[in-house]
Amino acid sequence: MSAVAPVRPARTWRPPATGPVLDGSGETIVPTSTIERTRVETGGHEKYDRLIAAAQNLPRLKVAVVHPCDEAALGAALEAAALGIIEPILVGPPGKIAAAAAAIGAELAPFRLVEAAHSHDAADKAVALVRAGEAEALMKGSLHTDEVMAAVVRREGGLRTARRVSHCFVMDVPGHATPLIVTDAAVNIAPTLEEKRDITQNAIDLAHALGVDRVRVAIVSAMETVNARVPSTLDAAALCKMADRDQITGAALDGPLALDNAIDLGAARIKKIRSPVAGQANVLVVPNLEAGNMLAKSLTFLARADAAGIVLGARVPIILTSRADSELTRLASCAVASLYAAAQRAARPIPEV
């Protein structure tokens, strides 16, 4: 008969001996029915509040609102107008816009209305307003992003510049001290190195427009070391060298960096990564659209972040919102566009093509 090994007692975790430890017994009661609890809010969005307040101190931005034919799109434009952020020009079918206004109890008489037959026509006419100097920005209404962007990037009659068009999310993440810019999560699917250079520069220009004193850009990958089998790490290293040679200006760059050591100082210290960016990045440049979209939506739906969206690199900023966006997010997107447009007016504009 074989010997039976003695049973070792289970290990009990105890916190470090830095203070008193409670001792005693308790009873676990298993619920027999579903318990509904109010969702815990993790804090306000004071960073967006500051952006909106800053935009209210600027002249109203003349915005061509493309096809605002549902309640959310029209309501956001009119609310931004009521707060003194924008001066909307409503571009679309008058009947549909009037129906949306009636649904939210809004009065359209104070606003200019440019008639368009359908969404494609509205995008074309909104771009024409910008080219004529009658609008300083575009705002996506109730139409697909592709319809707006097709009119913007058209070689003849569009709003192209020498810079690649790219998208930025300006994220207000509860618990994170500063706004976090994530790019590109909506326009460039699989950008090349040269396109990533423009994407990065667009984000840096936006950060400065938002009043960020020290712009710190993390070129994000799955790891923090260069690996020839992971193309995004090679691009990250090349972008950092481009910054060394002034091909990218206005910020400190570091990469490749994994997400944890890009935004968490503790994680960066554990991995012995020392740079002006590691652990305190305020701009995250992602490898491709899929990575950026998943990152932004993870922060939105798991961390209760808000994500204001804007497209840069064209002659004017383009306010790009989602149907799922809150009113606060839509207002913040308008505020971001206003601040960016003001900065562009004060600086040398991007050369046209």
Foldseek 3Di string as FASTA:
>chain_A
DDDDDDDDDDDDDDDPPPDDDDDDDDDDDDDPDDDDDDDDDLDDQVQLVVLLVVLQVDQAFEEEEQAQQAQLQLVLVVVLVVSRNHQYEYFEAPVSNVVSCVVVVHDCVVHHYHYAHHRLRSLLVRLVCVVVVNGFEYEYHPDDPVSNVCQQPDPPSHFAFPADKAKWWFKRFRPADHTAIEIHQPDFFADDLVNLLRRVQQVLLLCVLSPNPAAEEEAEDQAFDQDPVGVSQVSLVVSQVCVVVVVHDRHHYGDDDHPCQQQQVVVCVVVPNDDPGTNNHRYYYYRGNVVRNVVVVCSCPVRVMAIFMWMDRGQAIYGYDDPPHDSSSSSSNSSSRSSSSVSCVVDPHGGHD
